[in-house]
Structure formats: C-alpha cells, structure tokens
Protein backbone atom coordinates (compact mmCIF):
# COMPACT_ATOMS: atom_id res chain seq x y z
CA MET A 1 -174.27 -40.75 -60.40
CA LYS A 2 -171.60 -43.14 -59.56
CA ARG A 3 -171.81 -45.56 -56.66
CA GLN A 4 -169.58 -45.35 -53.52
CA ALA A 5 -166.79 -47.35 -53.59
CA VAL A 6 -166.75 -49.53 -50.26
CA ASN A 7 -164.62 -52.18 -48.74
CA PRO A 8 -164.01 -55.16 -49.61
CA TYR A 9 -164.18 -54.43 -53.17
CA LEU A 10 -163.57 -58.01 -53.90
CA PRO A 11 -166.48 -60.47 -54.17
CA GLN A 12 -167.12 -62.64 -51.21
CA GLY A 13 -164.57 -65.45 -51.09
CA GLU A 14 -161.77 -63.75 -52.99
CA TYR A 15 -158.95 -62.72 -50.94
CA ILE A 16 -155.53 -60.88 -52.37
CA PRO A 17 -154.07 -60.05 -48.97
CA ASP A 18 -151.14 -58.47 -50.17
CA GLY A 19 -152.70 -56.46 -53.28
CA GLU A 20 -150.57 -54.34 -55.41
CA PRO A 21 -152.44 -51.65 -57.15
CA TYR A 22 -150.90 -50.34 -60.36
CA VAL A 23 -152.26 -47.83 -62.78
CA PHE A 24 -152.07 -48.90 -66.68
CA ASP A 25 -154.17 -47.28 -69.38
CA ASP A 26 -156.66 -45.37 -67.11
CA ARG A 27 -157.37 -48.62 -65.29
CA VAL A 28 -156.30 -49.84 -61.85
CA TYR A 29 -155.15 -53.21 -61.65
CA VAL A 30 -154.54 -55.13 -58.43
CA TYR A 31 -152.24 -58.17 -58.31
CA GLY A 32 -151.43 -59.96 -55.62
CA SER A 33 -151.27 -63.40 -53.85
CA HIS A 34 -154.34 -65.29 -54.02
CA HIS A 35 -155.66 -67.12 -50.70
CA ARG A 36 -157.84 -70.16 -50.89
CA PHE A 37 -161.06 -69.68 -48.62
CA ASP A 38 -161.06 -72.06 -45.62
CA TYR A 39 -157.63 -73.68 -46.65
CA PRO A 40 -155.01 -74.43 -44.33
CA MET A 41 -152.49 -72.86 -46.29
CA PHE A 42 -151.97 -69.21 -47.71
CA CYS A 43 -151.21 -68.38 -51.41
CA ALA A 44 -152.86 -71.68 -52.80
CA ASN A 45 -154.40 -70.56 -55.86
CA ASP A 46 -153.07 -69.04 -59.03
CA TYR A 47 -152.72 -65.55 -59.74
CA VAL A 48 -155.77 -63.28 -60.53
CA CYS A 49 -156.26 -59.75 -61.50
CA TYR A 50 -159.33 -57.29 -60.50
CA SER A 51 -159.24 -54.05 -62.28
CA ALA A 52 -161.54 -50.98 -62.35
CA PRO A 53 -161.49 -47.41 -64.14
CA VAL A 54 -159.22 -44.99 -62.59
CA ASN A 55 -162.37 -42.72 -62.35
CA ASP A 56 -164.95 -45.26 -60.86
CA LEU A 57 -163.46 -47.59 -58.25
CA SER A 58 -166.86 -48.80 -57.26
CA ASP A 59 -166.76 -50.78 -60.82
CA TRP A 60 -164.30 -53.93 -60.20
CA ARG A 61 -164.15 -56.61 -62.95
CA PHE A 62 -162.33 -59.62 -62.61
CA GLU A 63 -159.40 -59.72 -65.33
CA GLY A 64 -159.22 -63.79 -65.21
CA ILE A 65 -156.43 -65.83 -63.98
CA ILE A 66 -153.29 -64.04 -65.09
CA TYR A 67 -150.61 -66.93 -64.24
CA ARG A 68 -151.33 -70.78 -63.46
CA LYS A 69 -148.90 -72.24 -60.70
CA LYS A 70 -148.52 -75.24 -62.59
CA GLN A 71 -147.18 -73.22 -65.80
CA ASP A 72 -143.86 -72.65 -64.32
CA PRO A 73 -141.39 -75.81 -65.04
CA LYS A 74 -140.27 -76.25 -61.34
CA ASN A 75 -143.91 -76.53 -60.34
CA ARG A 76 -145.60 -78.94 -62.82
CA LEU A 77 -147.60 -80.94 -60.15
CA GLY A 78 -148.88 -77.86 -58.80
CA LEU A 79 -147.58 -78.31 -55.25
CA ARG A 80 -145.82 -75.03 -54.58
CA LEU A 81 -147.52 -71.87 -53.06
CA LEU A 82 -147.11 -68.68 -55.22
CA PHE A 83 -146.15 -65.98 -52.99
CA ALA A 84 -146.39 -61.77 -53.33
CA PRO A 85 -146.14 -61.03 -56.92
CA ASP A 86 -145.29 -57.85 -58.54
CA VAL A 87 -146.01 -56.21 -61.95
CA ALA A 88 -143.50 -53.77 -63.88
CA VAL A 89 -144.02 -52.26 -67.07
CA GLY A 90 -140.52 -52.69 -69.09
CA ALA A 91 -138.41 -50.48 -71.21
CA ASP A 92 -139.88 -52.27 -74.02
CA GLY A 93 -143.60 -51.34 -73.02
CA ARG A 94 -144.40 -54.67 -72.21
CA TYR A 95 -145.66 -56.16 -68.82
CA TYR A 96 -143.54 -58.31 -66.65
CA LEU A 97 -144.88 -60.25 -63.69
CA TYR A 98 -142.56 -61.20 -60.95
CA TYR A 99 -143.21 -64.09 -58.61
CA ALA A 100 -141.63 -66.26 -55.62
CA PHE A 101 -142.33 -69.80 -54.98
CA ASP A 102 -143.06 -70.09 -51.44
CA PHE A 103 -139.92 -71.13 -49.25
CA MET A 104 -137.81 -72.51 -52.42
CA GLY A 105 -135.94 -68.86 -52.59
CA ILE A 106 -136.55 -69.09 -56.22
CA MET A 107 -137.97 -66.02 -58.23
CA GLY A 108 -139.41 -66.00 -61.74
CA VAL A 109 -140.54 -63.64 -64.10
CA ILE A 110 -142.90 -64.09 -67.17
CA LEU A 111 -144.17 -61.60 -69.79
CA LEU A 112 -147.74 -60.66 -69.57
CA LYS A 113 -149.65 -59.66 -72.53
CA LYS A 114 -153.15 -57.93 -72.57
CA GLY A 115 -155.90 -60.33 -73.06
CA LYS A 116 -153.95 -63.38 -73.26
CA MET A 117 -152.07 -65.74 -70.88
CA LEU A 118 -148.62 -66.65 -71.95
CA ASN A 119 -146.97 -69.78 -70.88
CA GLY A 120 -144.70 -69.89 -68.23
CA ALA A 121 -140.87 -68.55 -67.69
CA LYS A 122 -138.12 -69.85 -69.93
CA TRP A 123 -135.06 -71.69 -68.44
CA PHE A 124 -132.86 -68.84 -69.21
CA GLY A 125 -134.84 -66.80 -66.78
CA LYS A 126 -134.21 -69.82 -64.26
CA VAL A 127 -130.76 -69.90 -64.67
CA SER A 128 -130.14 -65.97 -64.53
CA THR A 129 -132.07 -66.29 -61.02
CA ALA A 130 -130.00 -69.13 -59.88
CA VAL A 131 -126.89 -67.48 -60.79
CA LEU A 132 -128.19 -64.51 -58.98
CA TYR A 133 -128.65 -66.35 -55.92
CA VAL A 134 -125.25 -68.41 -55.78
CA VAL A 135 -123.60 -65.01 -56.47
CA MET A 136 -125.35 -63.33 -53.48
CA PHE A 137 -124.44 -66.20 -51.29
CA ILE A 138 -120.84 -66.21 -52.37
CA LEU A 139 -120.78 -62.38 -51.79
CA ILE A 140 -122.62 -62.69 -48.35
CA LEU A 141 -120.31 -65.86 -46.94
CA ALA A 142 -117.05 -64.34 -48.46
CA PRO A 143 -116.95 -61.07 -47.34
CA ASN A 144 -113.02 -60.54 -47.88
CA ILE A 145 -113.46 -61.89 -51.51
CA GLN A 146 -110.98 -59.97 -53.68
CA GLU A 147 -112.65 -57.09 -55.40
CA GLN A 148 -111.89 -57.52 -58.97
CA ILE A 149 -113.61 -61.43 -58.62
CA ALA A 150 -116.56 -59.68 -56.83
CA ASN A 151 -117.14 -57.03 -59.56
CA THR A 152 -116.32 -59.97 -62.19
CA LEU A 153 -119.49 -62.03 -60.40
CA ILE A 154 -121.55 -59.21 -60.30
CA VAL A 155 -121.04 -58.26 -64.09
CA LEU A 156 -121.88 -61.93 -64.94
CA SER A 157 -124.94 -61.65 -62.96
CA GLY A 158 -126.17 -58.65 -64.50
CA PHE A 159 -125.31 -59.96 -67.88
CA LEU A 160 -127.64 -63.09 -67.40
CA LEU A 161 -130.40 -61.09 -65.91
CA LEU A 162 -130.24 -58.63 -69.05
CA MET A 163 -129.95 -61.58 -71.36
CA SER A 164 -133.19 -63.35 -69.48
CA PHE A 165 -135.15 -60.08 -70.48
CA ILE A 166 -133.87 -59.89 -74.16
CA LEU A 167 -134.09 -63.50 -75.08
C-alpha cells in the first residue's frame, strides 16, 4: 500500500515557494526559486529540483542542483538572486530552463540534460535577450514609430531568439 501524500512534501528547511510542477517521463518534477532558511533575502540559493512518480506523490526524491547562479557570466560572484524559473521541452526534445536575475531585467535560458548539469548560458542567448528588451523599450516608448520599422525590429528580435536556440 502506498503512503499518503501530505504537505509539506519537501524536507524541513527546503523552500521552493513558487514551484512549477511538470510531468516528464511519468515523473512529476518541481522547479522553482530556492529560498535559504533564515536569510534576509528571497531566492538566494541555486536552483534545485525534486521529483516523484506520477502514481506515488508520497515518494519525492532530490534531483540535485540543476543550475548554480555563479554559472551565469553576469553573476560570477554569485551576488544576484535567481527568481522564478520555468522549464519547457523544446521542439528538439531537449529540456530548457528559463530564469531571471532578481531586478536586473535580464532573462536567461540554459539547456538541461538528464543526469548532467551543463554550463551556463552562452553569449548569444544574452545578446538575443538584450536585443529583445531594447526592441520592447523602443516599441513602448515610441508608439508612433513607422510600421515598417516596428516590423523590422520585431523580425530582427525574433531571428536572434531563434538563432540562440539553434546555436
């Protein structure tokens, strides 16, 4: 007989407040920000993951650290906080982790691989994110911009985002 699943399902001292559950390969995986116990700031820890079989949510296991905040080139000292991540399966069948650094307004994406942690986001992902933000600001701050210029900026931004996934 299976045990009853109860809250909290994480071990004492583990805080993943904005956990996003996803089902991959008959397991439920929970990704989220990772708080540090009795720490004055939120989201100070590296990203971790917990999982359980879909048919037995009382059997949770720690998958380990999936992304260290110092892996990102913009956070080599580890001073920035990691906010609400999200995970998606790409059209190529690979797993992508999207993340944000606290109040910097910068998003990142890394490729996750089962059983192995990969290095941080590459430079082209950072460039495409920066271009996306610049284009958004231009379109917001200049609402009367010519349609052809706006479309060109949107296509450029989309192209760079697409290239960051391909490279």
